[in-house]
Amino acid sequence: MALSKNEIKYVKSLHLKKFRQKYNNFIVEGDKIVRELLASSNFQIEGLYADEKWLANHAARLPLSTAQVHSVSPTDLERISTLKTPNQVLVIVRQPTFRYTPDKINSSLSLYLDDIRDPGNFGTILRIADWFGIPYVFCSPTSAAWTNPKVIQASMGGFLRVQVHALALPEIPPLVPSLPVFGMVLGGQRLSEVPKPNAGLIVIGNESRGISVDNLQYLTQQITIPRHPQGGAESLNAAVATGIICAQWVME
């Protein structure tokens, strides 16, 4: 059945942040990510839109009511998709209410994204956090929204297992006063020389400007990934730097 103009307009509106905030919903696309989402109990699904082939393969196992499932033509799927090449299935998901606990912050490594605006970087960092079992990613209010479709795609399902909390960095130390706060900056102590912490907050700065001047004061230790003597790159990509430090500190 063809989608109505109002249905198409509604789904397409969720491409934009202001409407995701208005309706408190976001979009997830792609066979693998949607199947992972359907197996999760942490997310409430409002509607699923898929082509006939995908529904024929999965309809019998969908934990959804008939009213929530919509068979759509390739043309309509292309109209509502956020992707240049639409996948077989798109789902509208209610934004969950995540809660963090000081005890968990105090007993694990967490990430803080300071004005990370590139959705691809943000999503890749969620994927890295998922790989290394990091439970929380905090981010400044100026960072990209984790419900941005490009963040969701780049996370490769990481958003299902990593909680994202948007709040200003100064709000965290009062919650966990003894928690060390590490910042990735040029000229800091070499990463290999810093004893691996059992818990801590790792601050990752903006792609071009690094950690904001206002947030530098909250760092208890500045660290750096040294450049090879023959290296010529000016800096490391934010997600690449995150992967290096997580590999160094999380794994035995």
C-alpha atoms as a PDB file:
ATOM      1  CA  MET A   1       0.000   0.000   0.000  1.00  0.00           C
ATOM      2  CA  ALA A   2       1.275   3.437  -0.920  1.00  0.00           C
ATOM      3  CA  LEU A   3       2.080   5.804   1.924  1.00  0.00           C
ATOM      4  CA  SER A   4      -0.059   8.893   2.282  1.00  0.00           C
ATOM      5  CA  LYS A   5       1.413  12.337   1.803  1.00  0.00           C
ATOM      6  CA  ASN A   6       1.069  12.976   5.535  1.00  0.00           C
ATOM      7  CA  GLU A   7       2.901   9.746   6.410  1.00  0.00           C
ATOM      8  CA  ILE A   8       5.741  10.610   4.041  1.00  0.00           C
ATOM      9  CA  LYS A   9       5.877  14.156   5.405  1.00  0.00           C
ATOM     10  CA  TYR A  10       6.020  12.894   8.994  1.00  0.00           C
ATOM     11  CA  VAL A  11       8.814  10.353   8.427  1.00  0.00           C
ATOM     12  CA  LYS A  12      10.833  12.837   6.381  1.00  0.00           C
ATOM     13  CA  SER A  13      10.457  15.443   9.127  1.00  0.00           C
ATOM     14  CA  LEU A  14      12.458  13.145  11.422  1.00  0.00           C
ATOM     15  CA  HIS A  15      15.490  13.742   9.201  1.00  0.00           C
ATOM     16  CA  LEU A  16      15.746  17.084  11.025  1.00  0.00           C
ATOM     17  CA  LYS A  17      16.774  17.616  14.649  1.00  0.00           C
ATOM     18  CA  LYS A  18      13.938  20.010  15.530  1.00  0.00           C
ATOM     19  CA  PHE A  19      11.297  17.464  14.548  1.00  0.00           C
ATOM     20  CA  ARG A  20      13.090  14.589  16.280  1.00  0.00           C
ATOM     21  CA  GLN A  21      12.933  16.745  19.394  1.00  0.00           C
ATOM     22  CA  LYS A  22       9.307  17.703  18.770  1.00  0.00           C
ATOM     23  CA  TYR A  23       8.070  14.130  18.328  1.00  0.00           C
ATOM     24  CA  ASN A  24      10.714  12.489  20.557  1.00  0.00           C
ATOM     25  CA  ASN A  25      11.393   9.923  17.825  1.00  0.00           C
ATOM     26  CA  PHE A  26      14.291   9.042  15.542  1.00  0.00           C
ATOM     27  CA  ILE A  27      15.010   6.895  12.490  1.00  0.00           C
ATOM     28  CA  VAL A  28      16.993   3.662  12.203  1.00  0.00           C
ATOM     29  CA  GLU A  29      17.677   2.126   8.786  1.00  0.00           C
ATOM     30  CA  GLY A  30      19.262  -1.032   7.464  1.00  0.00           C
ATOM     31  CA  ASP A  31      18.630  -4.756   7.747  1.00  0.00           C
ATOM     32  CA  LYS A  32      21.349  -5.606  10.281  1.00  0.00           C
ATOM     33  CA  ILE A  33      20.829  -2.635  12.614  1.00  0.00           C
ATOM     34  CA  VAL A  34      17.044  -3.020  12.542  1.00  0.00           C
ATOM     35  CA  ARG A  35      17.264  -6.727  13.369  1.00  0.00           C
ATOM     36  CA  GLU A  36      19.527  -5.883  16.312  1.00  0.00           C
ATOM     37  CA  LEU A  37      17.086  -3.186  17.377  1.00  0.00           C
ATOM     38  CA  LEU A  38      14.130  -5.561  17.240  1.00  0.00           C
ATOM     39  CA  ALA A  39      15.994  -7.958  19.531  1.00  0.00           C
ATOM     40  CA  SER A  40      16.606  -5.206  22.097  1.00  0.00           C
ATOM     41  CA  SER A  41      14.167  -4.552  24.929  1.00  0.00           C
ATOM     42  CA  ASN A  42      15.439  -1.002  25.564  1.00  0.00           C
ATOM     43  CA  PHE A  43      13.724   0.705  22.641  1.00  0.00           C
ATOM     44  CA  GLN A  44      10.076   1.268  21.791  1.00  0.00           C
ATOM     45  CA  ILE A  45       9.188   1.062  18.104  1.00  0.00           C
ATOM     46  CA  GLU A  46       6.486   3.286  16.655  1.00  0.00           C
ATOM     47  CA  GLY A  47       6.492   2.004  13.106  1.00  0.00           C
ATOM     48  CA  LEU A  48       8.378  -0.216  10.678  1.00  0.00           C
ATOM     49  CA  TYR A  49       8.491   0.434   6.929  1.00  0.00           C
ATOM     50  CA  ALA A  50       9.906  -2.287   4.694  1.00  0.00           C
ATOM     51  CA  ASP A  51       9.717  -3.664   1.191  1.00  0.00           C
ATOM     52  CA  GLU A  52       7.806  -6.870   0.454  1.00  0.00           C
ATOM     53  CA  LYS A  53      10.914  -9.054   0.256  1.00  0.00           C
ATOM     54  CA  TRP A  54      12.167  -8.011   3.710  1.00  0.00           C
ATOM     55  CA  LEU A  55       8.734  -8.507   5.269  1.00  0.00           C
ATOM     56  CA  ALA A  56       8.371 -11.931   3.638  1.00  0.00           C
ATOM     57  CA  ASN A  57      11.616 -12.996   5.304  1.00  0.00           C
ATOM     58  CA  HIS A  58      10.969 -11.479   8.737  1.00  0.00           C
ATOM     59  CA  ALA A  59       7.260 -10.733   9.285  1.00  0.00           C
ATOM     60  CA  ALA A  60       6.573 -13.931  11.235  1.00  0.00           C
ATOM     61  CA  ARG A  61       9.225 -13.019  13.817  1.00  0.00           C
ATOM     62  CA  LEU A  62       8.446  -9.328  14.250  1.00  0.00           C
ATOM     63  CA  PRO A  63       7.537  -8.385  17.848  1.00  0.00           C
ATOM     64  CA  LEU A  64       5.134  -5.742  16.515  1.00  0.00           C
ATOM     65  CA  SER A  65       1.426  -5.347  15.911  1.00  0.00           C
ATOM     66  CA  THR A  66      -0.025  -5.323  12.407  1.00  0.00           C
ATOM     67  CA  ALA A  67      -0.732  -1.601  12.755  1.00  0.00           C
ATOM     68  CA  GLN A  68       2.967  -0.889  13.328  1.00  0.00           C
ATOM     69  CA  VAL A  69       4.167  -2.687  10.181  1.00  0.00           C
ATOM     70  CA  HIS A  70       3.932  -1.016   6.785  1.00  0.00           C
ATOM     71  CA  SER A  71       4.715  -2.651   3.451  1.00  0.00           C
ATOM     72  CA  VAL A  72       6.069   0.058   1.174  1.00  0.00           C
ATOM     73  CA  SER A  73       7.158   0.289  -2.414  1.00  0.00           C
ATOM     74  CA  PRO A  74      10.787   0.963  -3.339  1.00  0.00           C
ATOM     75  CA  THR A  75       9.688   4.429  -4.474  1.00  0.00           C
ATOM     76  CA  ASP A  76       8.126   5.306  -1.113  1.00  0.00           C
ATOM     77  CA  LEU A  77      11.073   3.826   0.749  1.00  0.00           C
ATOM     78  CA  GLU A  78      13.348   6.094  -1.260  1.00  0.00           C
ATOM     79  CA  ARG A  79      11.168   9.088  -0.386  1.00  0.00           C
ATOM     80  CA  ILE A  80      11.380   8.549   3.374  1.00  0.00           C
ATOM     81  CA  SER A  81      14.972   7.271   3.578  1.00  0.00           C
ATOM     82  CA  THR A  82      17.893   9.337   4.819  1.00  0.00           C
ATOM     83  CA  LEU A  83      20.281   7.315   2.659  1.00  0.00           C
ATOM     84  CA  LYS A  84      21.380   7.969  -0.920  1.00  0.00           C
ATOM     85  CA  THR A  85      20.745   4.288  -1.609  1.00  0.00           C
ATOM     86  CA  PRO A  86      17.772   3.227   0.552  1.00  0.00           C
ATOM     87  CA  ASN A  87      17.992  -0.057   2.418  1.00  0.00           C
ATOM     88  CA  GLN A  88      15.196  -2.612   2.731  1.00  0.00           C
ATOM     89  CA  VAL A  89      13.783  -1.403   6.014  1.00  0.00           C
ATOM     90  CA  LEU A  90      13.330   1.777   8.060  1.00  0.00           C
ATOM     91  CA  VAL A  91      12.088   2.000  11.632  1.00  0.00           C
ATOM     92  CA  ILE A  92      10.802   4.924  13.696  1.00  0.00           C
ATOM     93  CA  VAL A  93      11.925   4.595  17.305  1.00  0.00           C
ATOM     94  CA  ARG A  94      10.914   6.396  20.482  1.00  0.00           C
ATOM     95  CA  GLN A  95      13.849   8.131  22.156  1.00  0.00           C
ATOM     96  CA  PRO A  96      14.571   6.269  25.408  1.00  0.00           C
ATOM     97  CA  THR A  97      15.187   7.893  28.777  1.00  0.00           C
ATOM     98  CA  PHE A  98      18.684   6.877  29.849  1.00  0.00           C
ATOM     99  CA  ARG A  99      19.909   7.180  33.426  1.00  0.00           C
ATOM    100  CA  TYR A 100      23.504   7.123  34.623  1.00  0.00           C
ATOM    101  CA  THR A 101      24.684   6.257  38.112  1.00  0.00           C
ATOM    102  CA  PRO A 102      27.698   7.767  39.909  1.00  0.00           C
ATOM    103  CA  ASP A 103      28.719   4.280  41.064  1.00  0.00           C
ATOM    104  CA  LYS A 104      29.029   3.051  37.486  1.00  0.00           C
ATOM    105  CA  ILE A 105      30.910   6.168  36.409  1.00  0.00           C
ATOM    106  CA  ASN A 106      33.282   5.645  39.322  1.00  0.00           C
ATOM    107  CA  SER A 107      33.972   2.046  38.366  1.00  0.00           C
ATOM    108  CA  SER A 108      34.556   2.295  34.611  1.00  0.00           C
ATOM    109  CA  LEU A 109      36.038   4.396  31.858  1.00  0.00           C
ATOM    110  CA  SER A 110      33.674   6.860  30.205  1.00  0.00           C
ATOM    111  CA  LEU A 111      34.079   9.227  27.272  1.00  0.00           C
ATOM    112  CA  TYR A 112      33.210  12.909  27.064  1.00  0.00           C
ATOM    113  CA  LEU A 113      32.825  14.470  23.625  1.00  0.00           C
ATOM    114  CA  ASP A 114      33.554  18.191  23.745  1.00  0.00           C
ATOM    115  CA  ASP A 115      31.802  19.796  20.780  1.00  0.00           C
ATOM    116  CA  ILE A 116      32.151  16.812  18.431  1.00  0.00           C
ATOM    117  CA  ARG A 117      29.973  18.054  15.593  1.00  0.00           C
ATOM    118  CA  ASP A 118      30.734  15.627  12.796  1.00  0.00           C
ATOM    119  CA  PRO A 119      28.059  12.884  12.881  1.00  0.00           C
ATOM    120  CA  GLY A 120      30.430  10.371  11.319  1.00  0.00           C
ATOM    121  CA  ASN A 121      33.008  10.936  14.057  1.00  0.00           C
ATOM    122  CA  PHE A 122      30.346  10.788  16.763  1.00  0.00           C
ATOM    123  CA  GLY A 123      28.897   7.533  15.437  1.00  0.00           C
ATOM    124  CA  THR A 124      32.323   5.971  15.011  1.00  0.00           C
ATOM    125  CA  ILE A 125      33.176   6.856  18.624  1.00  0.00           C
ATOM    126  CA  LEU A 126      29.965   5.125  19.744  1.00  0.00           C
ATOM    127  CA  ARG A 127      31.058   2.092  17.743  1.00  0.00           C
ATOM    128  CA  ILE A 128      34.465   2.208  19.448  1.00  0.00           C
ATOM    129  CA  ALA A 129      32.862   2.531  22.884  1.00  0.00           C
ATOM    130  CA  ASP A 130      30.662  -0.464  22.085  1.00  0.00           C
ATOM    131  CA  TRP A 131      33.679  -2.522  20.989  1.00  0.00           C
ATOM    132  CA  PHE A 132      35.577  -1.797  24.176  1.00  0.00           C
ATOM    133  CA  GLY A 133      32.615  -2.193  26.519  1.00  0.00           C
ATOM    134  CA  ILE A 134      32.461   1.459  27.597  1.00  0.00           C
ATOM    135  CA  PRO A 135      28.980   2.007  29.056  1.00  0.00           C
ATOM    136  CA  TYR A 136      28.657   5.796  28.937  1.00  0.00           C
ATOM    137  CA  VAL A 137      29.446   8.463  26.383  1.00  0.00           C
ATOM    138  CA  PHE A 138      28.775  11.964  27.665  1.00  0.00           C
ATOM    139  CA  CYS A 139      28.726  14.885  25.270  1.00  0.00           C
ATOM    140  CA  SER A 140      28.460  18.651  25.336  1.00  0.00           C
ATOM    141  CA  PRO A 141      25.116  20.168  24.304  1.00  0.00           C
ATOM    142  CA  THR A 142      26.887  21.591  21.231  1.00  0.00           C
ATOM    143  CA  SER A 143      27.907  18.168  19.953  1.00  0.00           C
ATOM    144  CA  ALA A 144      25.948  16.369  17.255  1.00  0.00           C
ATOM    145  CA  ALA A 145      22.759  14.702  18.478  1.00  0.00           C
ATOM    146  CA  TRP A 146      23.165  10.955  18.903  1.00  0.00           C
ATOM    147  CA  THR A 147      19.774  10.484  17.191  1.00  0.00           C
ATOM    148  CA  ASN A 148      21.107  12.084  13.988  1.00  0.00           C
ATOM    149  CA  PRO A 149      20.611   9.426  11.257  1.00  0.00           C
ATOM    150  CA  LYS A 150      24.273   9.738  10.242  1.00  0.00           C
ATOM    151  CA  VAL A 151      25.369   9.079  13.830  1.00  0.00           C
ATOM    152  CA  ILE A 152      23.080   6.041  13.998  1.00  0.00           C
ATOM    153  CA  GLN A 153      24.483   4.655  10.739  1.00  0.00           C
ATOM    154  CA  ALA A 154      28.122   5.247  11.705  1.00  0.00           C
ATOM    155  CA  SER A 155      27.622   3.634  15.117  1.00  0.00           C
ATOM    156  CA  MET A 156      26.828   0.299  13.435  1.00  0.00           C
ATOM    157  CA  GLY A 157      24.456  -0.594  16.256  1.00  0.00           C
ATOM    158  CA  GLY A 158      26.637   0.865  18.992  1.00  0.00           C
ATOM    159  CA  PHE A 159      23.817   3.190  20.093  1.00  0.00           C
ATOM    160  CA  LEU A 160      21.916   0.078  21.233  1.00  0.00           C
ATOM    161  CA  ARG A 161      24.466  -0.752  23.914  1.00  0.00           C
ATOM    162  CA  VAL A 162      26.157   2.555  24.790  1.00  0.00           C
ATOM    163  CA  GLN A 163      24.201   5.195  26.677  1.00  0.00           C
ATOM    164  CA  VAL A 164      24.646   8.779  25.512  1.00  0.00           C
ATOM    165  CA  HIS A 165      24.043  11.664  27.915  1.00  0.00           C
ATOM    166  CA  ALA A 166      24.213  15.315  26.865  1.00  0.00           C
ATOM    167  CA  LEU A 167      25.407  17.623  29.641  1.00  0.00           C
ATOM    168  CA  ALA A 168      28.061  20.236  30.261  1.00  0.00           C
ATOM    169  CA  LEU A 169      31.423  18.947  31.506  1.00  0.00           C
ATOM    170  CA  PRO A 170      31.288  21.015  34.757  1.00  0.00           C
ATOM    171  CA  GLU A 171      28.228  18.992  35.811  1.00  0.00           C
ATOM    172  CA  ILE A 172      30.170  15.731  36.067  1.00  0.00           C
ATOM    173  CA  PRO A 173      32.917  16.326  38.714  1.00  0.00           C
ATOM    174  CA  PRO A 174      30.414  17.191  41.489  1.00  0.00           C
ATOM    175  CA  LEU A 175      28.743  13.817  40.890  1.00  0.00           C
ATOM    176  CA  VAL A 176      32.013  11.876  41.135  1.00  0.00           C
ATOM    177  CA  PRO A 177      34.568  14.132  42.912  1.00  0.00           C
ATOM    178  CA  SER A 178      37.357  11.553  42.990  1.00  0.00           C
ATOM    179  CA  LEU A 179      37.079  10.578  39.317  1.00  0.00           C
ATOM    180  CA  PRO A 180      40.177  11.475  37.252  1.00  0.00           C
ATOM    181  CA  VAL A 181      39.439  13.524  34.139  1.00  0.00           C
ATOM    182  CA  PHE A 182      41.883  12.972  31.270  1.00  0.00           C
ATOM    183  CA  GLY A 183      42.093  15.295  28.293  1.00  0.00           C
ATOM    184  CA  MET A 184      43.634  14.594  24.909  1.00  0.00           C
ATOM    185  CA  VAL A 185      45.803  17.639  24.150  1.00  0.00           C
ATOM    186  CA  LEU A 186      49.011  18.370  22.303  1.00  0.00           C
ATOM    187  CA  GLY A 187      51.899  18.659  24.733  1.00  0.00           C
ATOM    188  CA  GLY A 188      50.343  16.438  27.406  1.00  0.00           C
ATOM    189  CA  GLN A 189      52.018  13.447  29.034  1.00  0.00           C
ATOM    190  CA  ARG A 190      52.681  10.605  26.630  1.00  0.00           C
ATOM    191  CA  LEU A 191      49.878   8.060  26.740  1.00  0.00           C
ATOM    192  CA  SER A 192      52.307   5.174  27.177  1.00  0.00           C
ATOM    193  CA  GLU A 193      53.752   6.811  30.301  1.00  0.00           C
ATOM    194  CA  VAL A 194      50.419   7.221  32.090  1.00  0.00           C
ATOM    195  CA  PRO A 195      49.448   4.319  34.374  1.00  0.00           C
ATOM    196  CA  LYS A 196      46.306   2.641  33.097  1.00  0.00           C
ATOM    197  CA  PRO A 197      43.390   3.860  35.240  1.00  0.00           C
ATOM    198  CA  ASN A 198      40.652   1.571  36.535  1.00  0.00           C
ATOM    199  CA  ALA A 199      38.138   4.363  36.048  1.00  0.00           C
ATOM    200  CA  GLY A 200      38.093   7.833  34.592  1.00  0.00           C
ATOM    201  CA  LEU A 201      36.564  10.272  32.154  1.00  0.00           C
ATOM    202  CA  ILE A 202      38.378  10.743  28.846  1.00  0.00           C
ATOM    203  CA  VAL A 203      37.657  14.081  27.177  1.00  0.00           C
ATOM    204  CA  ILE A 204      37.871  14.172  23.377  1.00  0.00           C
ATOM    205  CA  GLY A 205      38.018  17.656  21.870  1.00  0.00           C
ATOM    206  CA  ASN A 206      36.480  19.280  18.824  1.00  0.00           C
ATOM    207  CA  GLU A 207      37.729  18.089  15.428  1.00  0.00           C
ATOM    208  CA  SER A 208      39.558  21.326  14.636  1.00  0.00           C
ATOM    209  CA  ARG A 209      39.867  23.264  17.910  1.00  0.00           C
ATOM    210  CA  GLY A 210      40.460  20.514  20.460  1.00  0.00           C
ATOM    211  CA  ILE A 211      39.172  20.779  24.015  1.00  0.00           C
ATOM    212  CA  SER A 212      37.534  24.140  24.718  1.00  0.00           C
ATOM    213  CA  VAL A 213      39.390  26.631  26.875  1.00  0.00           C
ATOM    214  CA  ASP A 214      36.565  26.636  29.411  1.00  0.00           C
ATOM    215  CA  ASN A 215      36.794  22.868  29.857  1.00  0.00           C
ATOM    216  CA  LEU A 216      40.576  22.628  30.205  1.00  0.00           C
ATOM    217  CA  GLN A 217      40.296  23.652  33.856  1.00  0.00           C
ATOM    218  CA  TYR A 218      38.368  20.477  34.671  1.00  0.00           C
ATOM    219  CA  LEU A 219      41.138  18.161  33.474  1.00  0.00           C
ATOM    220  CA  THR A 220      43.090  16.447  36.214  1.00  0.00           C
ATOM    221  CA  GLN A 221      45.655  15.214  33.695  1.00  0.00           C
ATOM    222  CA  GLN A 222      46.548  16.162  30.148  1.00  0.00           C
ATOM    223  CA  ILE A 223      47.628  13.304  27.904  1.00  0.00           C
ATOM    224  CA  THR A 224      48.772  13.005  24.315  1.00  0.00           C
ATOM    225  CA  ILE A 225      49.397  10.407  21.636  1.00  0.00           C
ATOM    226  CA  PRO A 226      52.907  11.311  20.446  1.00  0.00           C
ATOM    227  CA  ARG A 227      53.531  11.740  16.757  1.00  0.00           C
ATOM    228  CA  HIS A 228      56.238   9.623  15.177  1.00  0.00           C
ATOM    229  CA  PRO A 229      59.412  11.634  14.377  1.00  0.00           C
ATOM    230  CA  GLN A 230      58.787  11.040  10.683  1.00  0.00           C
ATOM    231  CA  GLY A 231      55.067  11.758  10.911  1.00  0.00           C
ATOM    232  CA  GLY A 232      53.762  14.832   9.144  1.00  0.00           C
ATOM    233  CA  ALA A 233      50.054  14.920  10.057  1.00  0.00           C
ATOM    234  CA  GLU A 234      49.008  17.976  12.042  1.00  0.00           C
ATOM    235  CA  SER A 235      46.613  16.043  14.236  1.00  0.00           C
ATOM    236  CA  LEU A 236      44.680  12.803  14.613  1.00  0.00           C
ATOM    237  CA  ASN A 237      41.045  12.341  13.755  1.00  0.00           C
ATOM    238  CA  ALA A 238      38.933  12.437  16.950  1.00  0.00           C
ATOM    239  CA  ALA A 239      37.601   8.913  16.459  1.00  0.00           C
ATOM    240  CA  VAL A 240      41.045   7.518  15.628  1.00  0.00           C
ATOM    241  CA  ALA A 241      42.504   9.072  18.786  1.00  0.00           C
ATOM    242  CA  THR A 242      39.636   7.613  20.817  1.00  0.00           C
ATOM    243  CA  GLY A 243      40.294   4.157  19.412  1.00  0.00           C
ATOM    244  CA  ILE A 244      43.994   4.354  20.269  1.00  0.00           C
ATOM    245  CA  ILE A 245      43.463   5.402  23.875  1.00  0.00           C
ATOM    246  CA  CYS A 246      40.716   2.819  24.418  1.00  0.00           C
ATOM    247  CA  ALA A 247      42.928   0.067  23.027  1.00  0.00           C
ATOM    248  CA  GLN A 248      45.740   1.208  25.327  1.00  0.00           C
ATOM    249  CA  TRP A 249      43.701   1.533  28.505  1.00  0.00           C
ATOM    250  CA  VAL A 250      40.777  -0.878  28.221  1.00  0.00           C
ATOM    251  CA  MET A 251      42.415  -4.039  26.952  1.00  0.00           C
ATOM    252  CA  GLU A 252      44.753  -6.113  29.072  1.00  0.00           C
END
